[in-house]
Amino acid sequence: MPGGPCVKDGKAAIAVVLLRDPDLAAYEEPWPPRYGFHARILKAIRANQPRAVVIDIVFEDVRDDPTIEALAAELDRYRAAAFRSTAPPSASTDHCDRRSGRA
């Protein structure tokens, strides 16, 4: 199936963004990535109008990074977008079976 088994109407039922070293190198980002880089990724996700977003980012060390304002502003935009909670998919046949990847 083009686009994978969990794609319906050109949109993935679930998407995961994972930042790896090659990804950071492609964007010339250091490790850890600047706060502004996280903001750019979140902006791109928001532009696709997801129904829900789960953000799991660990910022362990205090950094002198002026781009934190961009991240704070993007997180404010997420709050303003008021993503609502959605019920889990029903048992109908048109949802993605997360264990097998089958539709």
C-alpha atoms as a PDB file:
ATOM      1  CA  MET A   1       0.000   0.000   0.000  1.00  0.00           C
ATOM      2  CA  PRO A   2       1.552   3.366  -0.993  1.00  0.00           C
ATOM      3  CA  GLY A   3       2.442   5.427   2.050  1.00  0.00           C
ATOM      4  CA  GLY A   4       2.218   2.467   4.415  1.00  0.00           C
ATOM      5  CA  PRO A   5      -0.638   0.633   6.067  1.00  0.00           C
ATOM      6  CA  CYS A   6      -1.493   3.388   8.550  1.00  0.00           C
ATOM      7  CA  VAL A   7      -1.971   6.172   5.997  1.00  0.00           C
ATOM      8  CA  LYS A   8      -5.484   7.251   5.117  1.00  0.00           C
ATOM      9  CA  ASP A   9      -6.349  10.142   2.806  1.00  0.00           C
ATOM     10  CA  GLY A  10      -2.662  11.069   2.575  1.00  0.00           C
ATOM     11  CA  LYS A  11      -2.227  11.512   6.332  1.00  0.00           C
ATOM     12  CA  ALA A  12      -0.562   9.155   8.758  1.00  0.00           C
ATOM     13  CA  ALA A  13      -2.654   7.988  11.676  1.00  0.00           C
ATOM     14  CA  ILE A  14       0.399   8.314  13.916  1.00  0.00           C
ATOM     15  CA  ALA A  15       3.740   9.979  13.296  1.00  0.00           C
ATOM     16  CA  VAL A  16       6.853   9.995  15.462  1.00  0.00           C
ATOM     17  CA  VAL A  17       9.685  12.489  15.139  1.00  0.00           C
ATOM     18  CA  LEU A  18      13.008  11.168  16.360  1.00  0.00           C
ATOM     19  CA  LEU A  19      16.127  13.317  16.195  1.00  0.00           C
ATOM     20  CA  ARG A  20      19.266  11.313  15.475  1.00  0.00           C
ATOM     21  CA  ASP A  21      22.830  12.436  14.913  1.00  0.00           C
ATOM     22  CA  PRO A  22      22.562  12.246  11.078  1.00  0.00           C
ATOM     23  CA  ASP A  23      19.411  14.392  11.210  1.00  0.00           C
ATOM     24  CA  LEU A  24      21.153  17.030  13.285  1.00  0.00           C
ATOM     25  CA  ALA A  25      24.177  16.962  10.978  1.00  0.00           C
ATOM     26  CA  ALA A  26      21.932  17.480   7.949  1.00  0.00           C
ATOM     27  CA  TYR A  27      20.659  20.715   9.533  1.00  0.00           C
ATOM     28  CA  GLU A  28      24.071  21.659  10.955  1.00  0.00           C
ATOM     29  CA  GLU A  29      22.674  21.491  14.489  1.00  0.00           C
ATOM     30  CA  PRO A  30      24.876  20.768  17.484  1.00  0.00           C
ATOM     31  CA  TRP A  31      24.054  18.308  20.240  1.00  0.00           C
ATOM     32  CA  PRO A  32      22.016  19.175  22.104  1.00  0.00           C
ATOM     33  CA  PRO A  33      19.990  20.963  19.434  1.00  0.00           C
ATOM     34  CA  ARG A  34      19.209  24.612  20.009  1.00  0.00           C
ATOM     35  CA  TYR A  35      15.786  25.426  21.411  1.00  0.00           C
ATOM     36  CA  GLY A  36      14.972  27.188  18.155  1.00  0.00           C
ATOM     37  CA  PHE A  37      15.476  23.938  16.260  1.00  0.00           C
ATOM     38  CA  HIS A  38      12.837  22.281  18.420  1.00  0.00           C
ATOM     39  CA  ALA A  39      10.593  25.274  17.698  1.00  0.00           C
ATOM     40  CA  ARG A  40      11.045  24.794  13.923  1.00  0.00           C
ATOM     41  CA  ILE A  41      10.103  21.121  14.181  1.00  0.00           C
ATOM     42  CA  LEU A  42       7.060  21.872  16.306  1.00  0.00           C
ATOM     43  CA  LYS A  43       5.988  24.587  13.856  1.00  0.00           C
ATOM     44  CA  ALA A  44       6.200  22.104  10.968  1.00  0.00           C
ATOM     45  CA  ILE A  45       4.132  19.575  12.911  1.00  0.00           C
ATOM     46  CA  ARG A  46       1.516  22.208  13.790  1.00  0.00           C
ATOM     47  CA  ALA A  47       1.292  23.250  10.136  1.00  0.00           C
ATOM     48  CA  ASN A  48      -0.033  19.763   9.356  1.00  0.00           C
ATOM     49  CA  GLN A  49      -2.959  20.364  11.726  1.00  0.00           C
ATOM     50  CA  PRO A  50      -2.651  17.238  13.858  1.00  0.00           C
ATOM     51  CA  ARG A  51      -5.551  16.222  16.083  1.00  0.00           C
ATOM     52  CA  ALA A  52      -3.216  15.686  19.017  1.00  0.00           C
ATOM     53  CA  VAL A  53       0.451  16.077  19.828  1.00  0.00           C
ATOM     54  CA  VAL A  54       2.558  14.448  22.514  1.00  0.00           C
ATOM     55  CA  ILE A  55       5.832  16.193  23.224  1.00  0.00           C
ATOM     56  CA  ASP A  56       8.583  14.376  25.098  1.00  0.00           C
ATOM     57  CA  ILE A  57      11.747  16.467  25.212  1.00  0.00           C
ATOM     58  CA  VAL A  58      14.278  16.315  28.036  1.00  0.00           C
ATOM     59  CA  PHE A  59      16.304  19.444  28.684  1.00  0.00           C
ATOM     60  CA  GLU A  60      18.835  18.262  31.260  1.00  0.00           C
ATOM     61  CA  ASP A  61      21.306  21.115  31.352  1.00  0.00           C
ATOM     62  CA  VAL A  62      20.902  24.837  31.710  1.00  0.00           C
ATOM     63  CA  ARG A  63      22.080  26.452  28.488  1.00  0.00           C
ATOM     64  CA  ASP A  64      22.714  29.985  27.386  1.00  0.00           C
ATOM     65  CA  ASP A  65      20.584  29.769  24.243  1.00  0.00           C
ATOM     66  CA  PRO A  66      18.705  32.883  23.129  1.00  0.00           C
ATOM     67  CA  THR A  67      16.481  30.770  20.866  1.00  0.00           C
ATOM     68  CA  ILE A  68      14.542  29.630  23.927  1.00  0.00           C
ATOM     69  CA  GLU A  69      12.166  32.524  23.190  1.00  0.00           C
ATOM     70  CA  ALA A  70      11.277  30.900  19.847  1.00  0.00           C
ATOM     71  CA  LEU A  71      10.496  27.618  21.578  1.00  0.00           C
ATOM     72  CA  ALA A  72       8.409  29.344  24.252  1.00  0.00           C
ATOM     73  CA  ALA A  73       6.464  31.216  21.560  1.00  0.00           C
ATOM     74  CA  GLU A  74       5.815  28.014  19.602  1.00  0.00           C
ATOM     75  CA  LEU A  75       4.614  26.213  22.718  1.00  0.00           C
ATOM     76  CA  ASP A  76       2.272  29.172  23.340  1.00  0.00           C
ATOM     77  CA  ARG A  77       0.905  28.708  19.803  1.00  0.00           C
ATOM     78  CA  TYR A  78       0.220  25.054  20.622  1.00  0.00           C
ATOM     79  CA  ARG A  79      -1.695  26.109  23.717  1.00  0.00           C
ATOM     80  CA  ALA A  80      -3.634  28.666  21.690  1.00  0.00           C
ATOM     81  CA  ALA A  81      -4.496  26.021  19.085  1.00  0.00           C
ATOM     82  CA  ALA A  82      -6.250  24.180  21.928  1.00  0.00           C
ATOM     83  CA  PHE A  83      -5.654  20.658  20.722  1.00  0.00           C
ATOM     84  CA  ARG A  84      -8.545  18.728  22.154  1.00  0.00           C
ATOM     85  CA  SER A  85      -8.388  15.258  23.579  1.00  0.00           C
ATOM     86  CA  THR A  86      -9.703  12.555  21.316  1.00  0.00           C
ATOM     87  CA  ALA A  87     -11.006   9.156  22.210  1.00  0.00           C
ATOM     88  CA  PRO A  88      -8.875   6.184  21.212  1.00  0.00           C
ATOM     89  CA  PRO A  89      -9.738   4.640  17.843  1.00  0.00           C
ATOM     90  CA  SER A  90     -12.791   2.440  17.867  1.00  0.00           C
ATOM     91  CA  ALA A  91     -12.646  -1.252  17.062  1.00  0.00           C
ATOM     92  CA  SER A  92     -13.653  -0.489  13.488  1.00  0.00           C
ATOM     93  CA  THR A  93     -11.553  -1.832  10.643  1.00  0.00           C
ATOM     94  CA  ASP A  94     -10.378   1.587   9.449  1.00  0.00           C
ATOM     95  CA  HIS A  95      -7.835   2.224  12.186  1.00  0.00           C
ATOM     96  CA  CYS A  96      -4.218   1.201  12.334  1.00  0.00           C
ATOM     97  CA  ASP A  97      -3.445  -1.855  14.406  1.00  0.00           C
ATOM     98  CA  ARG A  98      -0.433  -0.543  16.327  1.00  0.00           C
ATOM     99  CA  ARG A  99       0.914  -3.991  17.171  1.00  0.00           C
ATOM    100  CA  SER A 100       1.078  -5.332  13.624  1.00  0.00           C
ATOM    101  CA  GLY A 101       1.100  -2.152  11.543  1.00  0.00           C
ATOM    102  CA  ARG A 102      -1.857  -3.492   9.583  1.00  0.00           C
ATOM    103  CA  ALA A 103      -4.862  -1.393   8.767  1.00  0.00           C
END
